[in-house]
C-alpha atoms as a PDB file:
ATOM      1  CA  MET A   1     105.779  73.586  82.488  1.00  0.00           C
ATOM      2  CA  LEU A   2     105.223  71.456  79.396  1.00  0.00           C
ATOM      3  CA  ALA A   3     104.100  73.129  76.183  1.00  0.00           C
ATOM      4  CA  ASN A   4     100.641  71.545  76.265  1.00  0.00           C
ATOM      5  CA  GLU A   5      99.959  72.289  79.933  1.00  0.00           C
ATOM      6  CA  VAL A   6      97.584  75.080  80.874  1.00  0.00           C
ATOM      7  CA  GLU A   7      98.768  77.381  83.609  1.00  0.00           C
ATOM      8  CA  ARG A   8      95.864  78.161  85.974  1.00  0.00           C
ATOM      9  CA  LEU A   9      96.005  81.770  86.991  1.00  0.00           C
ATOM     10  CA  LYS A  10      94.866  83.471  90.146  1.00  0.00           C
ATOM     11  CA  PRO A  11      92.448  85.070  90.179  1.00  0.00           C
ATOM     12  CA  PRO A  12      90.791  83.035  87.470  1.00  0.00           C
ATOM     13  CA  TYR A  13      88.028  85.638  86.931  1.00  0.00           C
ATOM     14  CA  VAL A  14      88.166  89.288  85.886  1.00  0.00           C
ATOM     15  CA  ALA A  15      85.489  91.785  84.819  1.00  0.00           C
ATOM     16  CA  PHE A  16      85.358  94.877  82.623  1.00  0.00           C
ATOM     17  CA  ARG A  17      83.109  96.724  80.179  1.00  0.00           C
ATOM     18  CA  THR A  18      83.659  96.863  76.441  1.00  0.00           C
ATOM     19  CA  MET A  19      81.919  98.133  73.324  1.00  0.00           C
ATOM     20  CA  GLU A  20      80.246  95.408  71.287  1.00  0.00           C
ATOM     21  CA  ARG A  21      77.646  95.894  68.547  1.00  0.00           C
ATOM     22  CA  TRP A  22      77.603  99.620  69.386  1.00  0.00           C
ATOM     23  CA  VAL A  23      76.567  98.850  72.981  1.00  0.00           C
ATOM     24  CA  LEU A  24      78.700  99.152  76.127  1.00  0.00           C
ATOM     25  CA  ILE A  25      78.412  95.766  77.860  1.00  0.00           C
ATOM     26  CA  PRO A  26      79.837  94.217  81.035  1.00  0.00           C
ATOM     27  CA  VAL A  27      81.975  91.094  80.611  1.00  0.00           C
ATOM     28  CA  ILE A  28      82.944  88.416  83.127  1.00  0.00           C
ATOM     29  CA  ALA A  29      86.030  86.592  81.847  1.00  0.00           C
ATOM     30  CA  ARG A  30      87.288  83.219  83.130  1.00  0.00           C
ATOM     31  CA  ILE A  31      91.022  83.114  82.477  1.00  0.00           C
ATOM     32  CA  GLU A  32      92.110  79.872  80.875  1.00  0.00           C
ATOM     33  CA  SER A  33      95.743  80.324  79.846  1.00  0.00           C
ATOM     34  CA  ARG A  34      98.693  82.631  79.460  1.00  0.00           C
ATOM     35  CA  GLU A  35     100.904  82.922  76.390  1.00  0.00           C
ATOM     36  CA  GLY A  36     103.790  85.218  77.235  1.00  0.00           C
ATOM     37  CA  ARG A  37     102.201  88.465  78.415  1.00  0.00           C
ATOM     38  CA  ARG A  38      98.864  87.605  76.783  1.00  0.00           C
ATOM     39  CA  LEU A  39      95.950  86.174  78.712  1.00  0.00           C
ATOM     40  CA  TYR A  40      93.164  84.173  77.113  1.00  0.00           C
ATOM     41  CA  ALA A  41      89.761  83.714  78.697  1.00  0.00           C
ATOM     42  CA  TYR A  42      86.189  82.772  78.014  1.00  0.00           C
ATOM     43  CA  TRP A  43      84.219  86.028  77.832  1.00  0.00           C
ATOM     44  CA  PHE A  44      80.668  85.866  79.179  1.00  0.00           C
ATOM     45  CA  SER A  45      78.299  88.705  78.309  1.00  0.00           C
ATOM     46  CA  ARG A  46      74.789  89.474  77.091  1.00  0.00           C
ATOM     47  CA  PHE A  47      75.943  88.604  73.562  1.00  0.00           C
ATOM     48  CA  THR A  48      78.005  85.538  74.535  1.00  0.00           C
ATOM     49  CA  PRO A  49      76.179  83.910  77.483  1.00  0.00           C
ATOM     50  CA  GLU A  50      77.904  80.562  76.894  1.00  0.00           C
ATOM     51  CA  GLY A  51      81.324  82.189  76.588  1.00  0.00           C
ATOM     52  CA  THR A  52      83.729  82.743  73.736  1.00  0.00           C
ATOM     53  CA  LEU A  53      87.511  82.364  73.934  1.00  0.00           C
ATOM     54  CA  ARG A  54      89.286  85.690  73.407  1.00  0.00           C
ATOM     55  CA  GLU A  55      92.344  87.598  74.501  1.00  0.00           C
ATOM     56  CA  VAL A  56      91.869  89.507  77.766  1.00  0.00           C
ATOM     57  CA  PRO A  57      93.029  93.096  78.127  1.00  0.00           C
ATOM     58  CA  VAL A  58      95.703  92.925  80.812  1.00  0.00           C
ATOM     59  CA  ASP A  59      95.207  96.489  82.055  1.00  0.00           C
ATOM     60  CA  TYR A  60      92.081  98.001  83.566  1.00  0.00           C
ATOM     61  CA  VAL A  61      90.286  94.818  84.583  1.00  0.00           C
ATOM     62  CA  VAL A  62      88.655  94.241  87.968  1.00  0.00           C
ATOM     63  CA  GLU A  63      89.748  91.016  89.629  1.00  0.00           C
ATOM     64  CA  LEU A  64      86.999  88.824  91.036  1.00  0.00           C
ATOM     65  CA  GLY A  65      88.618  86.981  93.896  1.00  0.00           C
ATOM     66  CA  ASN A  66      85.677  84.755  94.810  1.00  0.00           C
ATOM     67  CA  ASP A  67      84.960  82.011  92.267  1.00  0.00           C
ATOM     68  CA  ASP A  68      81.430  81.461  93.625  1.00  0.00           C
ATOM     69  CA  ASP A  69      80.481  85.119  93.113  1.00  0.00           C
ATOM     70  CA  ALA A  70      81.893  85.084  89.586  1.00  0.00           C
ATOM     71  CA  GLU A  71      79.918  81.952  88.703  1.00  0.00           C
ATOM     72  CA  LYS A  72      76.722  83.567  90.063  1.00  0.00           C
ATOM     73  CA  LEU A  73      77.334  86.573  87.791  1.00  0.00           C
ATOM     74  CA  ILE A  74      77.888  84.269  84.813  1.00  0.00           C
ATOM     75  CA  ASP A  75      74.657  82.436  85.666  1.00  0.00           C
ATOM     76  CA  LEU A  76      72.807  85.782  85.534  1.00  0.00           C
ATOM     77  CA  LEU A  77      74.191  86.420  82.042  1.00  0.00           C
ATOM     78  CA  ARG A  78      73.313  82.899  80.904  1.00  0.00           C
ATOM     79  CA  GLY A  79      69.776  83.442  82.156  1.00  0.00           C
ATOM     80  CA  GLY A  80      69.422  86.644  80.125  1.00  0.00           C
ATOM     81  CA  ARG A  81      69.440  88.866  83.200  1.00  0.00           C
ATOM     82  CA  ASP A  82      71.440  92.038  83.830  1.00  0.00           C
ATOM     83  CA  LEU A  83      74.307  92.245  86.280  1.00  0.00           C
ATOM     84  CA  PRO A  84      73.773  94.411  89.390  1.00  0.00           C
ATOM     85  CA  VAL A  85      74.065  98.100  88.489  1.00  0.00           C
ATOM     86  CA  GLU A  86      76.376  98.926  91.422  1.00  0.00           C
ATOM     87  CA  PHE A  87      78.759  96.174  90.276  1.00  0.00           C
ATOM     88  CA  VAL A  88      78.749  97.273  86.620  1.00  0.00           C
ATOM     89  CA  GLN A  89      79.449 100.892  87.576  1.00  0.00           C
ATOM     90  CA  ARG A  90      82.768  99.837  89.183  1.00  0.00           C
ATOM     91  CA  LEU A  91      84.046  98.207  85.991  1.00  0.00           C
ATOM     92  CA  HIS A  92      86.611  99.898  83.783  1.00  0.00           C
ATOM     93  CA  VAL A  93      85.814 100.469  80.128  1.00  0.00           C
ATOM     94  CA  ILE A  94      88.337  98.908  77.750  1.00  0.00           C
ATOM     95  CA  ASP A  95      88.765  99.121  73.988  1.00  0.00           C
END
């Protein structure tokens, strides 16, 4: 792989909960690249509905195997709506 190539990872979407602005929020992350053992993804949440590029915690994430379902969840966040409670309850909390 060339240095400027982006390695597409499978699954390209993961989900977790994290503390942001003193609030525990769910995050849908679209993985964009890998640098060694580090993963980088666009994080979509209530506070970043258009996504922000950040490092992804490798442990304790829930893989979202279906791209269509992940995009529907991101669309909910972009529209200012909450994710389904039963889905959020399954997500691990990360630091």
